[in-house]
C-alpha atoms as a PDB file:
ATOM      1  CA  MET A   1     -36.466  46.048  71.950  1.00  0.00           C
ATOM      2  CA  GLU A   2     -33.087  47.292  73.154  1.00  0.00           C
ATOM      3  CA  ILE A   3     -33.125  48.922  76.588  1.00  0.00           C
ATOM      4  CA  SER A   4     -31.138  52.176  76.598  1.00  0.00           C
ATOM      5  CA  ILE A   5     -29.817  53.904  79.728  1.00  0.00           C
ATOM      6  CA  ASP A   6     -32.666  56.454  79.616  1.00  0.00           C
ATOM      7  CA  ILE A   7     -35.324  53.768  79.316  1.00  0.00           C
ATOM      8  CA  LEU A   8     -33.611  51.754  82.051  1.00  0.00           C
ATOM      9  CA  ALA A   9     -33.770  54.733  84.430  1.00  0.00           C
ATOM     10  CA  ILE A  10     -37.471  55.235  83.672  1.00  0.00           C
ATOM     11  CA  ILE A  11     -38.210  51.548  84.300  1.00  0.00           C
ATOM     12  CA  ILE A  12     -36.369  51.660  87.639  1.00  0.00           C
ATOM     13  CA  ILE A  13     -38.416  54.689  88.725  1.00  0.00           C
ATOM     14  CA  LEU A  14     -41.641  53.016  87.576  1.00  0.00           C
ATOM     15  CA  GLY A  15     -40.763  49.873  89.540  1.00  0.00           C
ATOM     16  CA  LEU A  16     -40.060  51.863  92.709  1.00  0.00           C
ATOM     17  CA  ILE A  17     -43.268  53.900  92.434  1.00  0.00           C
ATOM     18  CA  GLY A  18     -45.412  50.899  91.476  1.00  0.00           C
ATOM     19  CA  ALA A  19     -44.182  48.748  94.366  1.00  0.00           C
ATOM     20  CA  PHE A  20     -44.537  51.595  96.881  1.00  0.00           C
ATOM     21  CA  ILE A  21     -48.126  52.348  95.866  1.00  0.00           C
ATOM     22  CA  ASP A  22     -49.013  48.659  95.724  1.00  0.00           C
ATOM     23  CA  ASN A  23     -47.726  47.940  99.239  1.00  0.00           C
ATOM     24  CA  ALA A  24     -49.197  51.144 100.699  1.00  0.00           C
ATOM     25  CA  PHE A  25     -52.634  50.976  99.076  1.00  0.00           C
ATOM     26  CA  GLY A  26     -52.856  47.349  97.930  1.00  0.00           C
ATOM     27  CA  MET A  27     -53.153  48.237  94.253  1.00  0.00           C
ATOM     28  CA  GLY A  28     -51.399  49.928  91.359  1.00  0.00           C
ATOM     29  CA  PHE A  29     -48.530  47.671  90.263  1.00  0.00           C
ATOM     30  CA  GLY A  30     -50.557  46.283  87.359  1.00  0.00           C
ATOM     31  CA  THR A  31     -50.746  49.749  85.787  1.00  0.00           C
ATOM     32  CA  LEU A  32     -47.117  49.252  84.751  1.00  0.00           C
ATOM     33  CA  THR A  33     -48.396  46.894  82.042  1.00  0.00           C
ATOM     34  CA  PRO A  34     -50.021  49.582  79.834  1.00  0.00           C
ATOM     35  CA  ILE A  35     -47.188  52.007  80.602  1.00  0.00           C
ATOM     36  CA  LEU A  36     -44.503  49.555  79.456  1.00  0.00           C
ATOM     37  CA  THR A  37     -46.463  48.572  76.357  1.00  0.00           C
ATOM     38  CA  ALA A  38     -46.878  52.274  75.554  1.00  0.00           C
ATOM     39  CA  MET A  39     -43.076  52.545  75.783  1.00  0.00           C
ATOM     40  CA  GLY A  40     -42.766  49.973  73.002  1.00  0.00           C
ATOM     41  CA  PHE A  41     -42.454  46.648  74.821  1.00  0.00           C
ATOM     42  CA  LYS A  42     -44.605  43.782  73.557  1.00  0.00           C
ATOM     43  CA  THR A  43     -47.464  42.638  75.770  1.00  0.00           C
ATOM     44  CA  ILE A  44     -46.292  39.031  75.523  1.00  0.00           C
ATOM     45  CA  VAL A  45     -43.023  40.163  77.139  1.00  0.00           C
ATOM     46  CA  VAL A  46     -44.496  42.585  79.676  1.00  0.00           C
ATOM     47  CA  VAL A  47     -47.200  40.422  81.302  1.00  0.00           C
ATOM     48  CA  PRO A  48     -44.968  37.600  82.642  1.00  0.00           C
ATOM     49  CA  VAL A  49     -42.399  40.186  83.752  1.00  0.00           C
ATOM     50  CA  ILE A  50     -45.051  42.081  85.729  1.00  0.00           C
ATOM     51  CA  LEU A  51     -46.250  38.839  87.303  1.00  0.00           C
ATOM     52  CA  ILE A  52     -42.810  37.712  88.501  1.00  0.00           C
ATOM     53  CA  ALA A  53     -41.941  41.232  89.721  1.00  0.00           C
ATOM     54  CA  GLN A  54     -45.283  41.387  91.548  1.00  0.00           C
ATOM     55  CA  MET A  55     -44.533  38.057  93.191  1.00  0.00           C
ATOM     56  CA  SER A  56     -41.127  39.296  94.383  1.00  0.00           C
ATOM     57  CA  SER A  57     -42.567  42.586  95.630  1.00  0.00           C
ATOM     58  CA  GLY A  58     -45.427  40.775  97.355  1.00  0.00           C
ATOM     59  CA  LEU A  59     -43.217  38.259  99.144  1.00  0.00           C
ATOM     60  CA  SER A  60     -40.921  41.040 100.339  1.00  0.00           C
ATOM     61  CA  GLY A  61     -43.906  43.176 101.293  1.00  0.00           C
ATOM     62  CA  SER A  62     -45.434  40.279 103.229  1.00  0.00           C
ATOM     63  CA  VAL A  63     -42.424  40.240 105.534  1.00  0.00           C
ATOM     64  CA  PHE A  64     -42.609  43.969 106.237  1.00  0.00           C
ATOM     65  CA  HIS A  65     -46.409  43.984 106.626  1.00  0.00           C
ATOM     66  CA  ALA A  66     -45.917  41.305 109.303  1.00  0.00           C
ATOM     67  CA  ILE A  67     -43.091  43.291 110.941  1.00  0.00           C
ATOM     68  CA  PHE A  68     -45.235  46.434 111.089  1.00  0.00           C
ATOM     69  CA  ARG A  69     -48.179  44.345 112.390  1.00  0.00           C
ATOM     70  CA  ASN A  70     -50.433  45.292 109.480  1.00  0.00           C
ATOM     71  CA  VAL A  71     -51.537  41.669 109.385  1.00  0.00           C
ATOM     72  CA  GLU A  72     -51.938  39.279 112.347  1.00  0.00           C
ATOM     73  CA  LEU A  73     -50.860  35.896 111.012  1.00  0.00           C
ATOM     74  CA  ASP A  74     -50.202  34.558 114.513  1.00  0.00           C
ATOM     75  CA  SER A  75     -53.370  35.775 116.242  1.00  0.00           C
ATOM     76  CA  LYS A  76     -55.789  33.352 117.914  1.00  0.00           C
ATOM     77  CA  GLU A  77     -58.677  34.402 115.708  1.00  0.00           C
ATOM     78  CA  LYS A  78     -56.669  33.651 112.541  1.00  0.00           C
ATOM     79  CA  ARG A  79     -59.038  35.731 110.394  1.00  0.00           C
ATOM     80  CA  ASP A  80     -56.155  37.285 108.418  1.00  0.00           C
ATOM     81  CA  VAL A  81     -54.770  33.819 107.713  1.00  0.00           C
ATOM     82  CA  LYS A  82     -58.193  32.570 106.602  1.00  0.00           C
ATOM     83  CA  VAL A  83     -58.749  35.571 104.321  1.00  0.00           C
ATOM     84  CA  THR A  84     -55.286  35.165 102.779  1.00  0.00           C
ATOM     85  CA  VAL A  85     -55.805  31.442 102.140  1.00  0.00           C
ATOM     86  CA  LEU A  86     -59.306  32.051 100.788  1.00  0.00           C
ATOM     87  CA  LEU A  87     -58.117  34.766  98.400  1.00  0.00           C
ATOM     88  CA  THR A  88     -55.246  32.583  97.213  1.00  0.00           C
ATOM     89  CA  VAL A  89     -57.145  29.317  96.705  1.00  0.00           C
ATOM     90  CA  ALA A  90     -60.236  30.897  95.143  1.00  0.00           C
ATOM     91  CA  GLY A  91     -57.918  33.092  93.099  1.00  0.00           C
ATOM     92  CA  MET A  92     -56.066  30.089  91.663  1.00  0.00           C
ATOM     93  CA  ILE A  93     -59.373  28.621  90.501  1.00  0.00           C
ATOM     94  CA  GLY A  94     -60.490  31.901  88.954  1.00  0.00           C
ATOM     95  CA  MET A  95     -57.089  32.510  87.365  1.00  0.00           C
ATOM     96  CA  THR A  96     -56.912  29.044  85.796  1.00  0.00           C
ATOM     97  CA  ALA A  97     -60.403  29.416  84.327  1.00  0.00           C
ATOM     98  CA  ALA A  98     -59.627  32.911  83.033  1.00  0.00           C
ATOM     99  CA  ILE A  99     -56.508  31.730  81.187  1.00  0.00           C
ATOM    100  CA  PHE A 100     -58.627  29.398  79.069  1.00  0.00           C
ATOM    101  CA  LEU A 101     -61.497  31.880  78.671  1.00  0.00           C
ATOM    102  CA  ALA A 102     -59.126  34.649  77.587  1.00  0.00           C
ATOM    103  CA  ILE A 103     -58.260  32.714  74.438  1.00  0.00           C
ATOM    104  CA  ASN A 104     -61.778  33.236  73.068  1.00  0.00           C
ATOM    105  CA  LEU A 105     -62.753  36.568  74.655  1.00  0.00           C
ATOM    106  CA  ASN A 106     -62.541  39.908  72.831  1.00  0.00           C
ATOM    107  CA  GLU A 107     -59.676  41.995  74.259  1.00  0.00           C
ATOM    108  CA  LEU A 108     -61.577  45.290  74.018  1.00  0.00           C
ATOM    109  CA  ALA A 109     -64.569  43.865  75.889  1.00  0.00           C
ATOM    110  CA  ILE A 110     -62.280  42.507  78.603  1.00  0.00           C
ATOM    111  CA  ASN A 111     -60.578  45.862  79.169  1.00  0.00           C
ATOM    112  CA  ILE A 112     -63.886  47.743  79.221  1.00  0.00           C
ATOM    113  CA  TYR A 113     -65.147  45.285  81.842  1.00  0.00           C
ATOM    114  CA  ILE A 114     -62.054  45.720  84.010  1.00  0.00           C
ATOM    115  CA  GLY A 115     -62.134  49.520  83.757  1.00  0.00           C
ATOM    116  CA  PHE A 116     -65.791  49.769  84.746  1.00  0.00           C
ATOM    117  CA  MET A 117     -65.381  47.199  87.536  1.00  0.00           C
ATOM    118  CA  ILE A 118     -62.550  49.148  89.177  1.00  0.00           C
ATOM    119  CA  LEU A 119     -64.367  52.450  88.640  1.00  0.00           C
ATOM    120  CA  VAL A 120     -67.580  51.204  90.272  1.00  0.00           C
ATOM    121  CA  VAL A 121     -65.711  49.813  93.289  1.00  0.00           C
ATOM    122  CA  GLY A 122     -63.969  53.166  93.765  1.00  0.00           C
ATOM    123  CA  ILE A 123     -67.246  55.090  93.609  1.00  0.00           C
ATOM    124  CA  ILE A 124     -68.810  52.746  96.174  1.00  0.00           C
ATOM    125  CA  MET A 125     -65.898  53.383  98.546  1.00  0.00           C
ATOM    126  CA  VAL A 126     -65.929  57.166  98.147  1.00  0.00           C
ATOM    127  CA  LYS A 127     -69.697  57.200  98.765  1.00  0.00           C
ATOM    128  CA  GLU A 128     -69.043  55.031 101.868  1.00  0.00           C
ATOM    129  CA  ILE A 129     -71.431  52.295 100.829  1.00  0.00           C
ATOM    130  CA  GLY A 130     -70.722  49.212 102.924  1.00  0.00           C
ATOM    131  CA  PHE A 131     -71.862  45.656 103.522  1.00  0.00           C
ATOM    132  CA  ARG A 132     -71.398  43.109 106.275  1.00  0.00           C
ATOM    133  CA  PHE A 133     -68.319  40.876 106.080  1.00  0.00           C
ATOM    134  CA  SER A 134     -68.961  37.299 104.984  1.00  0.00           C
ATOM    135  CA  TRP A 135     -66.800  34.503 103.623  1.00  0.00           C
ATOM    136  CA  ASN A 136     -69.073  34.050 100.592  1.00  0.00           C
ATOM    137  CA  LYS A 137     -68.464  37.675  99.602  1.00  0.00           C
ATOM    138  CA  MET A 138     -64.710  37.087  99.903  1.00  0.00           C
ATOM    139  CA  TYR A 139     -64.997  34.169  97.461  1.00  0.00           C
ATOM    140  CA  ILE A 140     -66.767  36.415  94.943  1.00  0.00           C
ATOM    141  CA  ILE A 141     -64.223  39.212  95.409  1.00  0.00           C
ATOM    142  CA  SER A 142     -61.299  36.830  94.921  1.00  0.00           C
ATOM    143  CA  GLY A 143     -62.848  35.228  91.850  1.00  0.00           C
ATOM    144  CA  LEU A 144     -63.461  38.577  90.141  1.00  0.00           C
ATOM    145  CA  ALA A 145     -60.027  39.928  91.035  1.00  0.00           C
ATOM    146  CA  SER A 146     -58.152  36.850  89.841  1.00  0.00           C
ATOM    147  CA  PHE A 147     -60.142  36.829  86.614  1.00  0.00           C
ATOM    148  CA  ASN A 148     -58.895  40.380  86.004  1.00  0.00           C
ATOM    149  CA  LYS A 149     -55.316  39.472  86.933  1.00  0.00           C
ATOM    150  CA  ALA A 150     -55.095  36.460  84.645  1.00  0.00           C
ATOM    151  CA  ILE A 151     -56.433  38.302  81.628  1.00  0.00           C
ATOM    152  CA  SER A 152     -54.713  41.684  81.920  1.00  0.00           C
ATOM    153  CA  GLY A 153     -51.834  41.301  84.390  1.00  0.00           C
ATOM    154  CA  GLY A 154     -53.573  43.820  86.662  1.00  0.00           C
ATOM    155  CA  GLY A 155     -56.876  44.608  88.333  1.00  0.00           C
ATOM    156  CA  TYR A 156     -56.399  42.323  91.348  1.00  0.00           C
ATOM    157  CA  GLY A 157     -55.507  44.814  94.075  1.00  0.00           C
ATOM    158  CA  PRO A 158     -58.305  47.330  93.427  1.00  0.00           C
ATOM    159  CA  ILE A 159     -60.927  44.598  93.728  1.00  0.00           C
ATOM    160  CA  THR A 160     -59.579  42.656  96.735  1.00  0.00           C
ATOM    161  CA  THR A 161     -58.392  45.653  98.765  1.00  0.00           C
ATOM    162  CA  SER A 162     -61.426  47.827  98.057  1.00  0.00           C
ATOM    163  CA  GLY A 163     -63.799  44.898  98.473  1.00  0.00           C
ATOM    164  CA  GLN A 164     -62.405  44.036 101.900  1.00  0.00           C
ATOM    165  CA  VAL A 165     -62.517  47.654 103.089  1.00  0.00           C
ATOM    166  CA  ILE A 166     -66.120  47.984 101.886  1.00  0.00           C
ATOM    167  CA  SER A 167     -66.988  44.839 103.861  1.00  0.00           C
ATOM    168  CA  GLY A 168     -65.691  46.442 107.062  1.00  0.00           C
ATOM    169  CA  ARG A 169     -62.121  45.135 107.368  1.00  0.00           C
ATOM    170  CA  ASP A 170     -59.392  47.585 108.380  1.00  0.00           C
ATOM    171  CA  HIS A 171     -57.312  49.238 105.676  1.00  0.00           C
ATOM    172  CA  GLU A 172     -53.932  47.824 106.707  1.00  0.00           C
ATOM    173  CA  GLU A 173     -55.376  44.297 107.045  1.00  0.00           C
ATOM    174  CA  SER A 174     -56.981  44.565 103.611  1.00  0.00           C
ATOM    175  CA  VAL A 175     -53.779  45.815 101.989  1.00  0.00           C
ATOM    176  CA  ALA A 176     -51.593  43.188 103.688  1.00  0.00           C
ATOM    177  CA  THR A 177     -53.800  40.191 102.863  1.00  0.00           C
ATOM    178  CA  SER A 178     -54.160  41.416  99.267  1.00  0.00           C
ATOM    179  CA  VAL A 179     -50.390  41.817  98.903  1.00  0.00           C
ATOM    180  CA  ILE A 180     -49.679  38.364 100.353  1.00  0.00           C
ATOM    181  CA  SER A 181     -52.311  36.509  98.309  1.00  0.00           C
ATOM    182  CA  GLU A 182     -51.390  38.403  95.129  1.00  0.00           C
ATOM    183  CA  SER A 183     -47.750  37.407  95.503  1.00  0.00           C
ATOM    184  CA  PHE A 184     -48.672  33.714  95.421  1.00  0.00           C
ATOM    185  CA  LEU A 185     -51.180  34.207  92.605  1.00  0.00           C
ATOM    186  CA  SER A 186     -48.668  36.191  90.538  1.00  0.00           C
ATOM    187  CA  GLY A 187     -46.190  33.338  90.834  1.00  0.00           C
ATOM    188  CA  TYR A 188     -48.911  30.887  89.841  1.00  0.00           C
ATOM    189  CA  GLY A 189     -49.900  33.084  86.892  1.00  0.00           C
ATOM    190  CA  PHE A 190     -46.260  33.369  85.819  1.00  0.00           C
ATOM    191  CA  LEU A 191     -46.013  29.569  85.818  1.00  0.00           C
ATOM    192  CA  LEU A 192     -49.215  29.219  83.765  1.00  0.00           C
ATOM    193  CA  TYR A 193     -48.002  31.841  81.329  1.00  0.00           C
ATOM    194  CA  PHE A 194     -44.710  29.979  80.893  1.00  0.00           C
ATOM    195  CA  LEU A 195     -46.447  26.624  80.385  1.00  0.00           C
ATOM    196  CA  PHE A 196     -49.042  27.851  77.876  1.00  0.00           C
ATOM    197  CA  GLU A 197     -47.208  30.687  76.115  1.00  0.00           C
ATOM    198  CA  GLY A 198     -43.487  30.338  76.796  1.00  0.00           C
ATOM    199  CA  PHE A 199     -41.216  33.380  76.515  1.00  0.00           C
ATOM    200  CA  GLN A 200     -40.485  35.483  73.458  1.00  0.00           C
ATOM    201  CA  ASN A 201     -37.468  37.790  73.179  1.00  0.00           C
ATOM    202  CA  ILE A 202     -35.769  36.147  76.144  1.00  0.00           C
ATOM    203  CA  GLY A 203     -33.000  38.764  76.383  1.00  0.00           C
ATOM    204  CA  THR A 204     -35.386  41.685  76.890  1.00  0.00           C
ATOM    205  CA  THR A 205     -37.550  39.590  79.215  1.00  0.00           C
ATOM    206  CA  ILE A 206     -34.634  38.782  81.520  1.00  0.00           C
ATOM    207  CA  ASP A 207     -33.404  42.405  81.528  1.00  0.00           C
ATOM    208  CA  LEU A 208     -36.863  43.681  82.493  1.00  0.00           C
ATOM    209  CA  MET A 209     -37.238  41.005  85.164  1.00  0.00           C
ATOM    210  CA  ILE A 210     -33.959  41.902  86.859  1.00  0.00           C
ATOM    211  CA  VAL A 211     -34.627  45.660  86.843  1.00  0.00           C
ATOM    212  CA  LEU A 212     -38.242  45.466  88.037  1.00  0.00           C
ATOM    213  CA  ILE A 213     -37.645  42.783  90.661  1.00  0.00           C
ATOM    214  CA  ILE A 214     -34.776  44.712  92.289  1.00  0.00           C
ATOM    215  CA  SER A 215     -36.546  48.090  92.222  1.00  0.00           C
ATOM    216  CA  ALA A 216     -39.819  46.564  93.467  1.00  0.00           C
ATOM    217  CA  VAL A 217     -38.184  44.790  96.411  1.00  0.00           C
ATOM    218  CA  ILE A 218     -36.335  47.970  97.431  1.00  0.00           C
ATOM    219  CA  ALA A 219     -39.566  50.003  97.590  1.00  0.00           C
ATOM    220  CA  THR A 220     -41.652  47.559  99.634  1.00  0.00           C
ATOM    221  CA  PRO A 221     -40.527  48.527 103.185  1.00  0.00           C
ATOM    222  CA  LEU A 222     -41.610  52.159 102.799  1.00  0.00           C
ATOM    223  CA  GLY A 223     -44.905  51.106 101.238  1.00  0.00           C
ATOM    224  CA  ALA A 224     -45.679  48.706 104.104  1.00  0.00           C
ATOM    225  CA  LEU A 225     -44.724  51.358 106.666  1.00  0.00           C
ATOM    226  CA  THR A 226     -47.017  53.883 104.975  1.00  0.00           C
ATOM    227  CA  ALA A 227     -49.928  51.436 105.181  1.00  0.00           C
ATOM    228  CA  ASP A 228     -49.345  51.176 108.942  1.00  0.00           C
ATOM    229  CA  ARG A 229     -49.278  54.961 109.423  1.00  0.00           C
ATOM    230  CA  LEU A 230     -52.324  55.912 107.338  1.00  0.00           C
ATOM    231  CA  ASN A 231     -55.444  57.271 109.017  1.00  0.00           C
ATOM    232  CA  LYS A 232     -58.176  54.653 108.553  1.00  0.00           C
ATOM    233  CA  GLY A 233     -60.908  57.042 107.366  1.00  0.00           C
ATOM    234  CA  LYS A 234     -58.596  58.893 105.017  1.00  0.00           C
ATOM    235  CA  ALA A 235     -57.119  55.625 103.778  1.00  0.00           C
ATOM    236  CA  LYS A 236     -60.538  54.377 102.691  1.00  0.00           C
ATOM    237  CA  LYS A 237     -61.153  57.611 100.768  1.00  0.00           C
ATOM    238  CA  ILE A 238     -57.701  57.507  99.194  1.00  0.00           C
ATOM    239  CA  ILE A 239     -58.136  53.895  98.081  1.00  0.00           C
ATOM    240  CA  GLY A 240     -61.524  54.811  96.619  1.00  0.00           C
ATOM    241  CA  TYR A 241     -60.102  57.717  94.638  1.00  0.00           C
ATOM    242  CA  VAL A 242     -57.137  55.601  93.516  1.00  0.00           C
ATOM    243  CA  SER A 243     -59.597  52.952  92.280  1.00  0.00           C
ATOM    244  CA  ILE A 244     -61.546  55.598  90.380  1.00  0.00           C
ATOM    245  CA  GLY A 245     -58.319  56.912  88.890  1.00  0.00           C
ATOM    246  CA  LEU A 246     -57.211  53.434  87.829  1.00  0.00           C
ATOM    247  CA  GLY A 247     -60.622  52.722  86.318  1.00  0.00           C
ATOM    248  CA  ILE A 248     -60.644  55.972  84.341  1.00  0.00           C
ATOM    249  CA  PHE A 249     -57.042  55.391  83.247  1.00  0.00           C
ATOM    250  CA  THR A 250     -57.930  51.897  82.022  1.00  0.00           C
ATOM    251  CA  LEU A 251     -60.909  53.157  80.016  1.00  0.00           C
ATOM    252  CA  ILE A 252     -59.057  56.150  78.546  1.00  0.00           C
ATOM    253  CA  ARG A 253     -56.173  53.893  77.530  1.00  0.00           C
ATOM    254  CA  LEU A 254     -58.559  51.906  75.330  1.00  0.00           C
ATOM    255  CA  PHE A 255     -59.033  54.891  73.032  1.00  0.00           C
ATOM    256  CA  TRP A 256     -55.270  55.114  72.525  1.00  0.00           C
ATOM    257  CA  TYR A 257     -55.302  51.699  70.875  1.00  0.00           C
ATOM    258  CA  VAL A 258     -58.549  52.045  68.924  1.00  0.00           C
END
């Protein structure tokens, strides 16, 4: 697909908005996948592009989340470091397994699962249902989120960010650790995608990569700053409603392709 000036401008705007929301709320960048496919780009082109752009945005966002002290990577307790490592390592296991499972799973069933999963998490947050933090729960959260990411290119942030907030962790810590771990997992997923699928339509793929990577990196500082400035109570509600919105959007989108 040839990228015209009009389409290029739209993609730049989408990249800026997606990266801002993702770094402010810890979710949302993956929704660019259905938007780009709706614009006419093939899924086999879009998914690896989203993954590499997410990695670039996440690495840039990690720096600014550390600058704004949203995450304490140098604290004595080291909980943020442990959560980040846990999410990344468990996520790699879940992502690798999902790549092989996705070959035999029905695409419609997968998307219905992801939509309902995100929707339920959002409802739990809005209703202020909580549970005590535990490392075992973090393993489960990471496994589910990475399963979503590997199959659809999205669905990681809503699960890890919302799951951490529900467990009692602060909003900015949850967003920051999700952004950092997702950046590594996106790079890992991009590598797996390249090894097992390769790239089709290399010209369009490279053009999309350049545009989305640049726009995503530009938007990350403001997103990280917004995460630092958000009121904790309001932030939890906002993340819950965003999760509900993403879940509904995912489910509604299914009917467009049926």
